[in-house]
C-alpha atoms as a PDB file:
ATOM      1  CA  MET A   1      33.164  -2.501  50.618  1.00  0.00           C
ATOM      2  CA  THR A   2      31.892  -5.308  48.419  1.00  0.00           C
ATOM      3  CA  ARG A   3      31.469  -4.965  44.700  1.00  0.00           C
ATOM      4  CA  VAL A   4      27.936  -4.563  43.385  1.00  0.00           C
ATOM      5  CA  LYS A   5      27.187  -6.054  39.996  1.00  0.00           C
ATOM      6  CA  ARG A   6      24.513  -4.240  38.015  1.00  0.00           C
ATOM      7  CA  GLY A   7      21.357  -5.993  36.913  1.00  0.00           C
ATOM      8  CA  TYR A   8      20.673  -7.144  33.387  1.00  0.00           C
ATOM      9  CA  THR A   9      17.485  -5.131  32.784  1.00  0.00           C
ATOM     10  CA  ALA A  10      19.116  -2.242  30.949  1.00  0.00           C
ATOM     11  CA  ARG A  11      21.316  -4.575  28.939  1.00  0.00           C
ATOM     12  CA  ARG A  12      18.279  -6.634  27.895  1.00  0.00           C
ATOM     13  CA  ARG A  13      16.423  -3.479  26.813  1.00  0.00           C
ATOM     14  CA  ARG A  14      19.396  -2.241  24.761  1.00  0.00           C
ATOM     15  CA  LYS A  15      19.876  -5.664  23.222  1.00  0.00           C
ATOM     16  CA  LYS A  16      16.232  -5.710  22.130  1.00  0.00           C
ATOM     17  CA  ILE A  17      16.616  -2.286  20.508  1.00  0.00           C
ATOM     18  CA  ARG A  18      19.849  -3.376  18.782  1.00  0.00           C
ATOM     19  CA  LEU A  19      18.158  -6.488  17.409  1.00  0.00           C
ATOM     20  CA  PHE A  20      15.449  -4.280  15.903  1.00  0.00           C
ATOM     21  CA  ALA A  21      18.078  -1.988  14.386  1.00  0.00           C
ATOM     22  CA  SER A  22      20.484  -4.707  13.275  1.00  0.00           C
ATOM     23  CA  THR A  23      19.852  -4.002   9.580  1.00  0.00           C
ATOM     24  CA  PHE A  24      20.480  -0.270   9.907  1.00  0.00           C
ATOM     25  CA  ILE A  25      23.755   1.136   8.580  1.00  0.00           C
ATOM     26  CA  GLY A  26      26.680   2.501  10.603  1.00  0.00           C
ATOM     27  CA  ALA A  27      26.130   4.100  13.986  1.00  0.00           C
ATOM     28  CA  HIS A  28      22.381   3.673  13.578  1.00  0.00           C
ATOM     29  CA  SER A  29      22.839  -0.003  14.367  1.00  0.00           C
ATOM     30  CA  ARG A  30      25.604   0.275  16.982  1.00  0.00           C
ATOM     31  CA  LEU A  31      25.163   3.283  19.260  1.00  0.00           C
ATOM     32  CA  THR A  32      22.320   3.110  21.742  1.00  0.00           C
ATOM     33  CA  ARG A  33      21.079   6.686  21.518  1.00  0.00           C
ATOM     34  CA  THR A  34      21.064   6.869  17.725  1.00  0.00           C
ATOM     35  CA  THR A  35      19.577   3.381  17.566  1.00  0.00           C
ATOM     36  CA  THR A  36      16.608   4.420  19.701  1.00  0.00           C
ATOM     37  CA  GLN A  37      16.117   7.547  17.583  1.00  0.00           C
ATOM     38  CA  GLN A  38      16.240   5.546  14.359  1.00  0.00           C
ATOM     39  CA  ARG A  39      13.858   2.973  15.812  1.00  0.00           C
ATOM     40  CA  MET A  40      11.288   5.666  16.633  1.00  0.00           C
ATOM     41  CA  ARG A  41      11.735   7.135  13.161  1.00  0.00           C
ATOM     42  CA  ALA A  42      11.304   3.722  11.516  1.00  0.00           C
ATOM     43  CA  LEU A  43       8.124   2.996  13.454  1.00  0.00           C
ATOM     44  CA  VAL A  44       6.669   6.395  12.549  1.00  0.00           C
ATOM     45  CA  SER A  45       7.509   5.833   8.881  1.00  0.00           C
ATOM     46  CA  SER A  46       5.966   2.373   8.821  1.00  0.00           C
ATOM     47  CA  HIS A  47       2.782   3.666  10.450  1.00  0.00           C
ATOM     48  CA  ARG A  48       2.529   6.545   7.974  1.00  0.00           C
ATOM     49  CA  ASN A  49       3.278   4.400   4.945  1.00  0.00           C
ATOM     50  CA  ARG A  50       0.657   1.753   5.721  1.00  0.00           C
ATOM     51  CA  SER A  51      -2.066   4.246   4.806  1.00  0.00           C
ATOM     52  CA  ARG A  52       0.096   5.663   2.004  1.00  0.00           C
ATOM     53  CA  LYS A  53       0.312   2.199   0.430  1.00  0.00           C
ATOM     54  CA  LYS A  54      -3.487   1.936   0.299  1.00  0.00           C
ATOM     55  CA  ARG A  55      -3.630   5.321  -1.424  1.00  0.00           C
ATOM     56  CA  ASP A  56      -0.939   4.370  -3.949  1.00  0.00           C
ATOM     57  CA  PHE A  57      -2.603   1.088  -4.858  1.00  0.00           C
ATOM     58  CA  ARG A  58      -5.954   2.812  -5.381  1.00  0.00           C
ATOM     59  CA  ARG A  59      -4.247   5.314  -7.735  1.00  0.00           C
ATOM     60  CA  LEU A  60      -2.640   2.435  -9.628  1.00  0.00           C
ATOM     61  CA  TRP A  61      -5.964   0.621 -10.066  1.00  0.00           C
ATOM     62  CA  ILE A  62      -7.674   3.810 -11.253  1.00  0.00           C
ATOM     63  CA  THR A  63      -4.879   4.438 -13.772  1.00  0.00           C
ATOM     64  CA  ARG A  64      -5.111   0.900 -15.141  1.00  0.00           C
ATOM     65  CA  ILE A  65      -8.902   1.013 -15.479  1.00  0.00           C
ATOM     66  CA  ASN A  66      -8.703   4.423 -17.148  1.00  0.00           C
ATOM     67  CA  ALA A  67      -6.101   3.181 -19.632  1.00  0.00           C
ATOM     68  CA  VAL A  68      -8.183   0.165 -20.623  1.00  0.00           C
ATOM     69  CA  THR A  69     -11.438   2.139 -20.940  1.00  0.00           C
ATOM     70  CA  ARG A  70      -9.768   4.735 -23.169  1.00  0.00           C
ATOM     71  CA  GLU A  71      -8.187   1.990 -25.302  1.00  0.00           C
ATOM     72  CA  ASP A  72     -11.642   0.975 -26.450  1.00  0.00           C
ATOM     73  CA  ARG A  73     -13.014   2.333 -29.729  1.00  0.00           C
ATOM     74  CA  LEU A  74     -15.771   4.215 -27.912  1.00  0.00           C
ATOM     75  CA  PHE A  75     -13.380   6.602 -26.102  1.00  0.00           C
ATOM     76  CA  TYR A  76     -15.067   5.961 -22.803  1.00  0.00           C
ATOM     77  CA  SER A  77     -13.625   7.793 -19.792  1.00  0.00           C
ATOM     78  CA  TYR A  78     -12.963   6.357 -16.345  1.00  0.00           C
ATOM     79  CA  SER A  79     -15.340   8.711 -14.563  1.00  0.00           C
ATOM     80  CA  LEU A  80     -18.243   7.813 -16.862  1.00  0.00           C
ATOM     81  CA  PHE A  81     -17.417   4.131 -16.469  1.00  0.00           C
ATOM     82  CA  ILE A  82     -17.520   4.273 -12.657  1.00  0.00           C
ATOM     83  CA  HIS A  83     -20.629   6.471 -12.701  1.00  0.00           C
ATOM     84  CA  ASN A  84     -22.479   3.988 -14.888  1.00  0.00           C
ATOM     85  CA  LEU A  85     -21.260   1.078 -12.754  1.00  0.00           C
ATOM     86  CA  TYR A  86     -22.885   2.653  -9.707  1.00  0.00           C
ATOM     87  CA  LYS A  87     -26.010   3.510 -11.692  1.00  0.00           C
ATOM     88  CA  ARG A  88     -26.390  -0.122 -12.794  1.00  0.00           C
ATOM     89  CA  GLN A  89     -25.584  -1.274  -9.217  1.00  0.00           C
ATOM     90  CA  LEU A  90     -22.765  -3.560 -10.323  1.00  0.00           C
ATOM     91  CA  LEU A  91     -20.755  -4.126  -7.172  1.00  0.00           C
ATOM     92  CA  LEU A  92     -17.196  -4.454  -8.439  1.00  0.00           C
ATOM     93  CA  ASN A  93     -14.429  -2.613  -6.653  1.00  0.00           C
ATOM     94  CA  ARG A  94     -11.488  -0.980  -8.378  1.00  0.00           C
ATOM     95  CA  LYS A  95      -9.036  -3.729  -7.435  1.00  0.00           C
ATOM     96  CA  ILE A  96     -11.117  -6.441  -9.092  1.00  0.00           C
ATOM     97  CA  LEU A  97     -11.815  -4.254 -12.128  1.00  0.00           C
ATOM     98  CA  ALA A  98      -8.090  -3.584 -12.574  1.00  0.00           C
ATOM     99  CA  GLN A  99      -7.306  -7.310 -12.330  1.00  0.00           C
ATOM    100  CA  ILE A 100      -9.989  -8.117 -14.896  1.00  0.00           C
ATOM    101  CA  ALA A 101      -8.705  -5.342 -17.169  1.00  0.00           C
ATOM    102  CA  LEU A 102      -5.167  -6.751 -17.070  1.00  0.00           C
ATOM    103  CA  SER A 103      -5.806 -10.484 -17.188  1.00  0.00           C
ATOM    104  CA  ASN A 104      -9.021 -10.822 -19.188  1.00  0.00           C
ATOM    105  CA  LYS A 105      -9.623  -7.924 -21.570  1.00  0.00           C
ATOM    106  CA  ASN A 106     -12.612  -9.659 -23.237  1.00  0.00           C
ATOM    107  CA  CYS A 107     -14.454  -9.899 -19.916  1.00  0.00           C
ATOM    108  CA  PHE A 108     -13.799  -6.218 -19.249  1.00  0.00           C
ATOM    109  CA  ASP A 109     -15.126  -5.347 -22.701  1.00  0.00           C
ATOM    110  CA  ILE A 110     -18.297  -7.343 -22.004  1.00  0.00           C
ATOM    111  CA  ILE A 111     -18.802  -5.462 -18.720  1.00  0.00           C
ATOM    112  CA  SER A 112     -18.303  -2.076 -20.377  1.00  0.00           C
ATOM    113  CA  LYS A 113     -20.617  -2.960 -23.284  1.00  0.00           C
ATOM    114  CA  LYS A 114     -23.367  -4.019 -20.860  1.00  0.00           C
ATOM    115  CA  ILE A 115     -23.050  -0.723 -19.031  1.00  0.00           C
ATOM    116  CA  ILE A 116     -23.206   1.314 -22.237  1.00  0.00           C
ATOM    117  CA  ASN A 117     -26.116  -0.594 -23.791  1.00  0.00           C
ATOM    118  CA  GLN A 118     -28.368  -0.344 -20.719  1.00  0.00           C
ATOM    119  CA  LYS A 119     -28.827   3.414 -21.014  1.00  0.00           C
END
């Protein structure tokens, strides 16, 4: 009986999985079964953490804005600041406000003074 050589499909699939898991440590990068399990786990984590990152950045921006508004002599809270922003229909999102608060404090003070004085 003649010898049958197997195809390369399975080897190509395993090689692709190993390339994905090449940075993993130990058996997670070498053994096929654990590599596939770790790959699924990594993909799940990356999917979950994409929305988590958005949440974390929003919290960071809110914290920065709150810190700068409370620094002011008027003791102005974050919630009042955002409420008055919406009341005055100033369309600035939290990311931009946080950048202004960090880089250009004078500009942020001008914005907050305008909001307060227009009551």
